[in-house]
Amino acid sequence: MSAPIVTGALAIAFGLFTGVARFVAPESALFSKLEPMKARFGAVGGTTLHVMAYTIMPLGFGVVQVLQGMAEGTP
């Protein structure tokens, strides 16, 4: 298994974990940076930025890495 596939799988796992944790335990210590972001950018802006940074971007990065790793393995 190539490094991009492993990196991508870990990023996807992180993105899925934070996405699920956001609904299961929204007051968790995992989201300690959410309140400062809300204070700085407003409730909607802070939440949007937090979701983008900790859920959407890792998922997108992970998918790209896995696809790149799969393409490298193709003869």
Protein backbone atom coordinates (compact mmCIF):
# COMPACT_ATOMS: atom_id res chain seq x y z
CA MET A 1 0.00 0.00 0.00
CA SER A 2 1.46 3.35 -1.00
CA ALA A 3 1.94 6.37 1.25
CA PRO A 4 -0.71 8.52 -0.48
CA ILE A 5 -3.35 5.84 0.08
CA VAL A 6 -2.47 5.55 3.78
CA THR A 7 -2.38 9.33 4.20
CA GLY A 8 -5.68 9.67 2.37
CA ALA A 9 -7.34 6.94 4.40
CA LEU A 10 -6.24 8.63 7.64
CA ALA A 11 -7.53 12.01 6.44
CA ILE A 12 -10.87 10.47 5.46
CA ALA A 13 -11.10 8.75 8.85
CA PHE A 14 -10.38 12.05 10.62
CA GLY A 15 -12.98 13.91 8.55
CA LEU A 16 -15.62 11.25 9.18
CA PHE A 17 -14.78 11.15 12.89
CA THR A 18 -15.12 14.90 13.33
CA GLY A 19 -18.30 14.94 11.26
CA VAL A 20 -19.94 12.25 13.38
CA ALA A 21 -18.60 13.68 16.66
CA ARG A 22 -20.10 17.06 15.76
CA PHE A 23 -23.57 15.50 16.04
CA VAL A 24 -22.94 12.93 18.78
CA ALA A 25 -20.96 15.10 21.23
CA PRO A 26 -21.03 18.75 20.11
CA GLU A 27 -19.81 19.99 23.52
CA SER A 28 -16.75 17.71 23.44
CA ALA A 29 -13.22 18.99 24.02
CA LEU A 30 -12.59 18.08 20.37
CA PHE A 31 -14.26 21.33 19.44
CA SER A 32 -12.34 23.64 21.77
CA LYS A 33 -11.40 25.90 18.85
CA LEU A 34 -15.02 26.34 17.77
CA GLU A 35 -15.96 28.92 20.41
CA PRO A 36 -12.97 31.21 19.67
CA MET A 37 -13.82 30.96 15.95
CA LYS A 38 -17.44 31.88 16.70
CA ALA A 39 -16.28 34.83 18.81
CA ARG A 40 -14.03 36.09 16.06
CA PHE A 41 -16.11 35.41 12.93
CA GLY A 42 -19.66 35.25 14.32
CA ALA A 43 -21.78 32.17 14.98
CA VAL A 44 -22.43 31.26 11.35
CA GLY A 45 -18.99 32.24 10.04
CA GLY A 46 -17.12 30.50 12.84
CA THR A 47 -19.13 27.31 12.53
CA THR A 48 -18.77 27.31 8.74
CA LEU A 49 -15.02 27.84 8.95
CA HIS A 50 -14.68 25.12 11.59
CA VAL A 51 -16.68 22.58 9.55
CA MET A 52 -14.68 23.42 6.43
CA ALA A 53 -11.32 23.14 8.19
CA TYR A 54 -11.93 20.02 10.26
CA THR A 55 -14.44 17.99 8.24
CA ILE A 56 -14.78 19.00 4.58
CA MET A 57 -11.12 19.71 3.78
CA PRO A 58 -9.78 16.47 5.32
CA LEU A 59 -12.41 14.49 3.42
CA GLY A 60 -11.53 16.20 0.13
CA PHE A 61 -7.80 15.87 0.73
CA GLY A 62 -8.23 12.21 1.63
CA VAL A 63 -10.19 11.40 -1.51
CA VAL A 64 -7.62 13.14 -3.71
CA GLN A 65 -4.75 11.30 -1.99
CA VAL A 66 -6.43 7.90 -2.31
CA LEU A 67 -7.21 8.48 -5.98
CA GLN A 68 -3.65 9.66 -6.61
CA GLY A 69 -2.26 6.59 -4.86
CA MET A 70 -4.51 4.32 -6.89
CA ALA A 71 -3.46 6.02 -10.13
CA GLU A 72 0.22 5.54 -9.27
CA GLY A 73 -0.37 1.83 -8.77
CA THR A 74 -1.98 1.41 -12.19
CA PRO A 75 0.44 0.01 -14.80
